[in-house]
Amino acid sequence: QVQFVESGGVLVQPGGSLRLSCAASGSIFSLYVMAWYRQAPGKQRDLVARITTSSETTVTNAVKGRATISRDNAKNTVYLQIDSLKPEDTAVYYCNSWPPRPASWGQGTQVTVSS
């Protein structure tokens, strides 16, 4: 079963930027459509951005114009860059395939946007 390990979460001021990384185990990473999700306190886990095997990307309206998802198949890694961060971006961020594999959720990485 593929496993994902997220990193890069930080405490950042509004207007700042961050780049999250997600490393995947296994040799078939390049075959997965990958996605970033986030879960704010008391809320459900939501899709943030998605990238296909041919690197076509989709971002949700909540981060449109501010977020970029990318992947490096040679490193089995997917990235999420978010600029112009807002307090409402505060959440635990997870990566997984799309649709997500229930047994593959990692610990996530905490992003806190606060002054």
N, C-alpha and C. Protein backbone atom coordinates (compact mmCIF):
# COMPACT_ATOMS: atom_id res chain seq x y z
N GLN A 1 0.85 -1.20 0.00
CA GLN A 1 0.00 0.00 0.00
C GLN A 1 0.88 1.25 0.00
N VAL A 2 0.60 2.15 -0.91
CA VAL A 2 1.39 3.37 -0.97
C VAL A 2 1.14 4.21 0.26
N GLN A 3 2.19 4.87 0.73
CA GLN A 3 2.09 5.76 1.88
C GLN A 3 2.62 7.13 1.49
N PHE A 4 2.05 8.16 2.13
CA PHE A 4 2.44 9.53 1.83
C PHE A 4 2.91 10.23 3.11
N VAL A 5 3.97 11.02 2.99
CA VAL A 5 4.51 11.77 4.11
C VAL A 5 4.59 13.23 3.71
N GLU A 6 3.80 14.05 4.43
CA GLU A 6 3.75 15.47 4.12
C GLU A 6 4.74 16.24 4.99
N SER A 7 5.23 17.36 4.46
CA SER A 7 6.14 18.22 5.22
C SER A 7 6.03 19.65 4.71
N GLY A 8 6.58 20.56 5.51
CA GLY A 8 6.63 21.95 5.07
C GLY A 8 5.65 22.87 5.77
N GLY A 9 4.83 22.33 6.65
CA GLY A 9 3.88 23.17 7.35
C GLY A 9 4.57 24.15 8.27
N VAL A 10 4.01 25.36 8.35
CA VAL A 10 4.64 26.42 9.12
C VAL A 10 3.59 27.33 9.74
N LEU A 11 4.06 28.18 10.63
CA LEU A 11 3.29 29.33 11.10
C LEU A 11 3.74 30.50 10.25
N VAL A 12 2.81 31.13 9.57
CA VAL A 12 3.16 32.20 8.65
C VAL A 12 2.16 33.33 8.78
N GLN A 13 2.62 34.53 8.53
CA GLN A 13 1.75 35.69 8.62
C GLN A 13 0.85 35.80 7.38
N PRO A 14 -0.30 36.41 7.53
CA PRO A 14 -1.14 36.65 6.35
C PRO A 14 -0.35 37.36 5.26
N GLY A 15 -0.59 36.93 4.03
CA GLY A 15 0.15 37.50 2.91
C GLY A 15 1.42 36.75 2.56
N GLY A 16 1.83 35.85 3.44
CA GLY A 16 3.04 35.09 3.20
C GLY A 16 2.83 33.93 2.23
N SER A 17 3.89 33.16 2.05
CA SER A 17 3.86 32.03 1.12
C SER A 17 4.43 30.79 1.79
N LEU A 18 4.07 29.65 1.24
CA LEU A 18 4.67 28.41 1.72
C LEU A 18 4.69 27.40 0.58
N ARG A 19 5.51 26.39 0.77
CA ARG A 19 5.58 25.28 -0.17
C ARG A 19 5.55 23.99 0.61
N LEU A 20 4.57 23.21 0.37
CA LEU A 20 4.44 21.91 1.01
C LEU A 20 4.96 20.82 0.10
N SER A 21 5.51 19.78 0.71
CA SER A 21 6.00 18.63 -0.05
C SER A 21 5.33 17.37 0.45
N CYS A 22 5.19 16.42 -0.45
CA CYS A 22 4.62 15.14 -0.09
C CYS A 22 5.42 14.06 -0.80
N ALA A 23 6.05 13.21 0.00
CA ALA A 23 6.84 12.12 -0.55
C ALA A 23 6.04 10.83 -0.50
N ALA A 24 6.06 10.10 -1.60
CA ALA A 24 5.31 8.86 -1.70
C ALA A 24 6.23 7.66 -1.75
N SER A 25 5.81 6.62 -1.09
CA SER A 25 6.54 5.36 -1.19
C SER A 25 6.04 4.59 -2.40
N GLY A 26 6.80 3.62 -2.84
CA GLY A 26 6.34 2.79 -3.95
C GLY A 26 6.85 3.26 -5.28
N SER A 27 6.79 2.40 -6.24
CA SER A 27 7.40 2.65 -7.53
C SER A 27 6.41 3.05 -8.61
N ILE A 28 5.13 3.18 -8.26
CA ILE A 28 4.16 3.48 -9.30
C ILE A 28 3.53 4.85 -9.07
N PHE A 29 4.23 5.71 -8.38
CA PHE A 29 3.74 7.07 -8.09
C PHE A 29 3.32 7.77 -9.37
N SER A 30 4.09 7.59 -10.43
CA SER A 30 3.82 8.31 -11.68
C SER A 30 2.48 7.93 -12.30
N LEU A 31 1.91 6.84 -11.85
CA LEU A 31 0.64 6.38 -12.39
C LEU A 31 -0.56 6.97 -11.66
N TYR A 32 -0.31 7.66 -10.54
CA TYR A 32 -1.40 8.18 -9.72
C TYR A 32 -1.75 9.61 -10.12
N VAL A 33 -3.04 9.89 -10.19
CA VAL A 33 -3.48 11.27 -10.09
C VAL A 33 -3.31 11.64 -8.62
N MET A 34 -2.63 12.74 -8.35
CA MET A 34 -2.34 13.13 -6.96
C MET A 34 -3.10 14.39 -6.59
N ALA A 35 -3.31 14.55 -5.30
CA ALA A 35 -4.09 15.70 -4.84
C ALA A 35 -3.62 16.13 -3.46
N TRP A 36 -3.88 17.39 -3.17
CA TRP A 36 -3.72 17.93 -1.83
C TRP A 36 -5.12 18.20 -1.27
N TYR A 37 -5.25 17.90 0.01
CA TYR A 37 -6.48 18.12 0.74
C TYR A 37 -6.15 18.91 2.00
N ARG A 38 -7.16 19.50 2.61
CA ARG A 38 -6.92 20.17 3.88
C ARG A 38 -8.15 20.02 4.77
N GLN A 39 -7.87 20.06 6.06
CA GLN A 39 -8.93 19.94 7.05
C GLN A 39 -8.73 20.99 8.12
N ALA A 40 -9.64 21.93 8.16
CA ALA A 40 -9.61 22.97 9.19
C ALA A 40 -10.30 22.44 10.45
N PRO A 41 -10.00 23.02 11.60
CA PRO A 41 -10.61 22.54 12.84
C PRO A 41 -12.13 22.53 12.77
N GLY A 42 -12.71 21.41 13.10
CA GLY A 42 -14.16 21.29 13.13
C GLY A 42 -14.83 21.16 11.78
N LYS A 43 -14.02 21.01 10.72
CA LYS A 43 -14.59 20.92 9.39
C LYS A 43 -14.17 19.63 8.71
N GLN A 44 -14.81 19.32 7.61
CA GLN A 44 -14.47 18.11 6.88
C GLN A 44 -13.21 18.34 6.05
N ARG A 45 -12.61 17.26 5.63
CA ARG A 45 -11.44 17.33 4.78
C ARG A 45 -11.88 17.65 3.36
N ASP A 46 -11.27 18.66 2.76
CA ASP A 46 -11.67 19.12 1.43
C ASP A 46 -10.52 19.06 0.45
N LEU A 47 -10.84 18.87 -0.79
CA LEU A 47 -9.86 18.91 -1.86
C LEU A 47 -9.35 20.34 -2.05
N VAL A 48 -8.05 20.48 -2.25
CA VAL A 48 -7.46 21.79 -2.52
C VAL A 48 -7.00 21.89 -3.97
N ALA A 49 -6.29 20.88 -4.43
CA ALA A 49 -5.74 20.91 -5.79
C ALA A 49 -5.46 19.49 -6.24
N ARG A 50 -5.42 19.32 -7.54
CA ARG A 50 -5.24 17.98 -8.11
C ARG A 50 -4.31 18.08 -9.32
N ILE A 51 -3.52 17.03 -9.55
CA ILE A 51 -2.61 17.01 -10.70
C ILE A 51 -2.65 15.63 -11.33
N THR A 52 -2.83 15.60 -12.64
CA THR A 52 -2.94 14.33 -13.34
C THR A 52 -1.56 13.73 -13.61
N THR A 53 -1.56 12.55 -14.19
CA THR A 53 -0.30 11.90 -14.52
C THR A 53 0.46 12.67 -15.60
N SER A 54 -0.24 13.47 -16.38
CA SER A 54 0.41 14.30 -17.40
C SER A 54 0.57 15.74 -16.94
N SER A 55 0.43 15.95 -15.61
CA SER A 55 0.66 17.25 -14.97
C SER A 55 -0.35 18.31 -15.34
N GLU A 56 -1.55 17.91 -15.72
CA GLU A 56 -2.64 18.88 -15.84
C GLU A 56 -3.16 19.15 -14.44
N THR A 57 -3.40 20.42 -14.13
CA THR A 57 -3.73 20.78 -12.76
C THR A 57 -5.11 21.41 -12.63
N THR A 58 -5.67 21.24 -11.46
CA THR A 58 -6.94 21.86 -11.09
C THR A 58 -6.80 22.34 -9.66
N VAL A 59 -7.25 23.56 -9.40
CA VAL A 59 -7.29 24.04 -8.02
C VAL A 59 -8.71 24.47 -7.70
N THR A 60 -9.08 24.38 -6.45
CA THR A 60 -10.43 24.76 -6.06
C THR A 60 -10.56 26.27 -5.95
N ASN A 61 -11.78 26.73 -5.92
CA ASN A 61 -12.03 28.17 -5.88
C ASN A 61 -11.41 28.83 -4.65
N ALA A 62 -11.30 28.10 -3.56
CA ALA A 62 -10.78 28.68 -2.32
C ALA A 62 -9.34 29.15 -2.46
N VAL A 63 -8.60 28.54 -3.37
CA VAL A 63 -7.18 28.89 -3.53
C VAL A 63 -6.85 29.30 -4.96
N LYS A 64 -7.85 29.46 -5.79
CA LYS A 64 -7.60 29.78 -7.19
C LYS A 64 -6.86 31.10 -7.31
N GLY A 65 -5.82 31.10 -8.14
CA GLY A 65 -5.01 32.29 -8.31
C GLY A 65 -3.91 32.43 -7.29
N ARG A 66 -3.93 31.57 -6.26
CA ARG A 66 -2.91 31.64 -5.19
C ARG A 66 -2.12 30.36 -5.04
N ALA A 67 -2.62 29.26 -5.58
CA ALA A 67 -2.00 27.97 -5.33
C ALA A 67 -1.54 27.31 -6.63
N THR A 68 -0.43 26.60 -6.52
CA THR A 68 0.11 25.85 -7.64
C THR A 68 0.49 24.46 -7.15
N ILE A 69 -0.01 23.46 -7.83
CA ILE A 69 0.38 22.08 -7.52
C ILE A 69 1.32 21.60 -8.61
N SER A 70 2.33 20.85 -8.22
CA SER A 70 3.29 20.32 -9.18
C SER A 70 3.77 18.96 -8.70
N ARG A 71 4.45 18.24 -9.57
CA ARG A 71 4.95 16.93 -9.19
C ARG A 71 6.29 16.67 -9.85
N ASP A 72 7.07 15.84 -9.18
CA ASP A 72 8.36 15.39 -9.70
C ASP A 72 8.35 13.87 -9.60
N ASN A 73 8.05 13.21 -10.69
CA ASN A 73 7.92 11.76 -10.65
C ASN A 73 9.25 11.07 -10.34
N ALA A 74 10.35 11.70 -10.72
CA ALA A 74 11.66 11.10 -10.44
C ALA A 74 11.92 11.04 -8.94
N LYS A 75 11.29 11.96 -8.20
CA LYS A 75 11.48 12.01 -6.75
C LYS A 75 10.26 11.48 -6.00
N ASN A 76 9.27 10.97 -6.73
CA ASN A 76 8.05 10.50 -6.07
C ASN A 76 7.47 11.56 -5.13
N THR A 77 7.45 12.80 -5.59
CA THR A 77 7.05 13.90 -4.73
C THR A 77 6.06 14.81 -5.44
N VAL A 78 5.09 15.29 -4.66
CA VAL A 78 4.15 16.29 -5.15
C VAL A 78 4.25 17.51 -4.24
N TYR A 79 4.10 18.68 -4.82
CA TYR A 79 4.28 19.93 -4.09
C TYR A 79 3.01 20.77 -4.17
N LEU A 80 2.87 21.64 -3.17
CA LEU A 80 1.80 22.63 -3.19
C LEU A 80 2.39 23.96 -2.74
N GLN A 81 2.35 24.93 -3.61
CA GLN A 81 2.78 26.29 -3.31
C GLN A 81 1.53 27.14 -3.14
N ILE A 82 1.45 27.85 -2.03
CA ILE A 82 0.34 28.78 -1.82
C ILE A 82 0.91 30.15 -1.48
N ASP A 83 0.49 31.13 -2.22
CA ASP A 83 0.91 32.52 -1.98
C ASP A 83 -0.26 33.32 -1.40
N SER A 84 0.04 34.52 -0.97
CA SER A 84 -1.00 35.41 -0.42
C SER A 84 -1.88 34.67 0.59
N LEU A 85 -1.24 34.03 1.53
CA LEU A 85 -1.96 33.21 2.49
C LEU A 85 -2.93 34.03 3.33
N LYS A 86 -4.05 33.40 3.65
CA LYS A 86 -5.11 34.03 4.44
C LYS A 86 -5.32 33.21 5.71
N PRO A 87 -5.85 33.82 6.75
CA PRO A 87 -6.14 33.04 7.97
C PRO A 87 -7.02 31.83 7.69
N GLU A 88 -7.90 31.93 6.72
CA GLU A 88 -8.78 30.79 6.42
C GLU A 88 -8.06 29.64 5.73
N ASP A 89 -6.79 29.83 5.39
CA ASP A 89 -5.99 28.72 4.88
C ASP A 89 -5.45 27.84 6.01
N THR A 90 -5.65 28.27 7.24
CA THR A 90 -5.19 27.49 8.38
C THR A 90 -5.88 26.13 8.40
N ALA A 91 -5.07 25.08 8.41
CA ALA A 91 -5.61 23.72 8.35
C ALA A 91 -4.45 22.73 8.42
N VAL A 92 -4.80 21.47 8.59
CA VAL A 92 -3.84 20.40 8.37
C VAL A 92 -3.95 19.99 6.91
N TYR A 93 -2.82 19.97 6.23
CA TYR A 93 -2.79 19.66 4.81
C TYR A 93 -2.30 18.23 4.61
N TYR A 94 -3.00 17.51 3.75
CA TYR A 94 -2.69 16.12 3.45
C TYR A 94 -2.53 15.94 1.94
N CYS A 95 -1.74 14.98 1.56
CA CYS A 95 -1.76 14.56 0.16
C CYS A 95 -2.24 13.11 0.10
N ASN A 96 -2.75 12.76 -1.04
CA ASN A 96 -3.23 11.41 -1.29
C ASN A 96 -3.48 11.34 -2.79
N SER A 97 -3.77 10.18 -3.25
CA SER A 97 -4.18 10.06 -4.64
C SER A 97 -5.57 10.66 -4.78
N TRP A 98 -6.03 10.80 -6.02
CA TRP A 98 -7.40 11.20 -6.27
C TRP A 98 -8.03 10.18 -7.20
N PRO A 99 -9.14 9.57 -6.78
CA PRO A 99 -9.75 9.72 -5.46
C PRO A 99 -8.83 9.16 -4.37
N PRO A 100 -9.02 9.58 -3.15
CA PRO A 100 -8.09 9.19 -2.09
C PRO A 100 -8.20 7.71 -1.73
N ARG A 101 -7.06 7.16 -1.36
CA ARG A 101 -6.99 5.79 -0.86
C ARG A 101 -7.11 5.83 0.66
N PRO A 102 -8.18 5.31 1.22
CA PRO A 102 -8.42 5.46 2.67
C PRO A 102 -7.27 4.99 3.55
N ALA A 103 -6.57 3.95 3.12
CA ALA A 103 -5.50 3.40 3.95
C ALA A 103 -4.19 4.15 3.79
N SER A 104 -4.15 5.15 2.93
CA SER A 104 -2.90 5.83 2.62
C SER A 104 -2.78 7.23 3.22
N TRP A 105 -3.76 7.65 4.00
CA TRP A 105 -3.65 8.97 4.61
C TRP A 105 -2.44 9.02 5.55
N GLY A 106 -1.67 10.10 5.44
CA GLY A 106 -0.54 10.32 6.33
C GLY A 106 -0.96 11.17 7.52
N GLN A 107 0.04 11.68 8.22
CA GLN A 107 -0.21 12.49 9.41
C GLN A 107 -0.59 13.93 9.05
N GLY A 108 -0.29 14.33 7.84
CA GLY A 108 -0.56 15.70 7.45
C GLY A 108 0.50 16.65 7.97
N THR A 109 0.42 17.89 7.53
CA THR A 109 1.33 18.93 8.00
C THR A 109 0.51 20.18 8.31
N GLN A 110 0.78 20.76 9.48
CA GLN A 110 -0.03 21.88 9.97
C GLN A 110 0.42 23.19 9.36
N VAL A 111 -0.53 23.90 8.81
CA VAL A 111 -0.29 25.26 8.32
C VAL A 111 -1.16 26.21 9.15
N THR A 112 -0.52 27.18 9.74
CA THR A 112 -1.22 28.18 10.54
C THR A 112 -0.90 29.55 9.99
N VAL A 113 -1.93 30.28 9.64
CA VAL A 113 -1.76 31.63 9.10
C VAL A 113 -2.30 32.60 10.14
N SER A 114 -1.41 33.33 10.75
CA SER A 114 -1.80 34.21 11.84
C SER A 114 -0.77 35.30 12.01
N SER A 115 -1.24 36.47 12.42
CA SER A 115 -0.32 37.55 12.72
C SER A 115 0.02 37.56 14.21
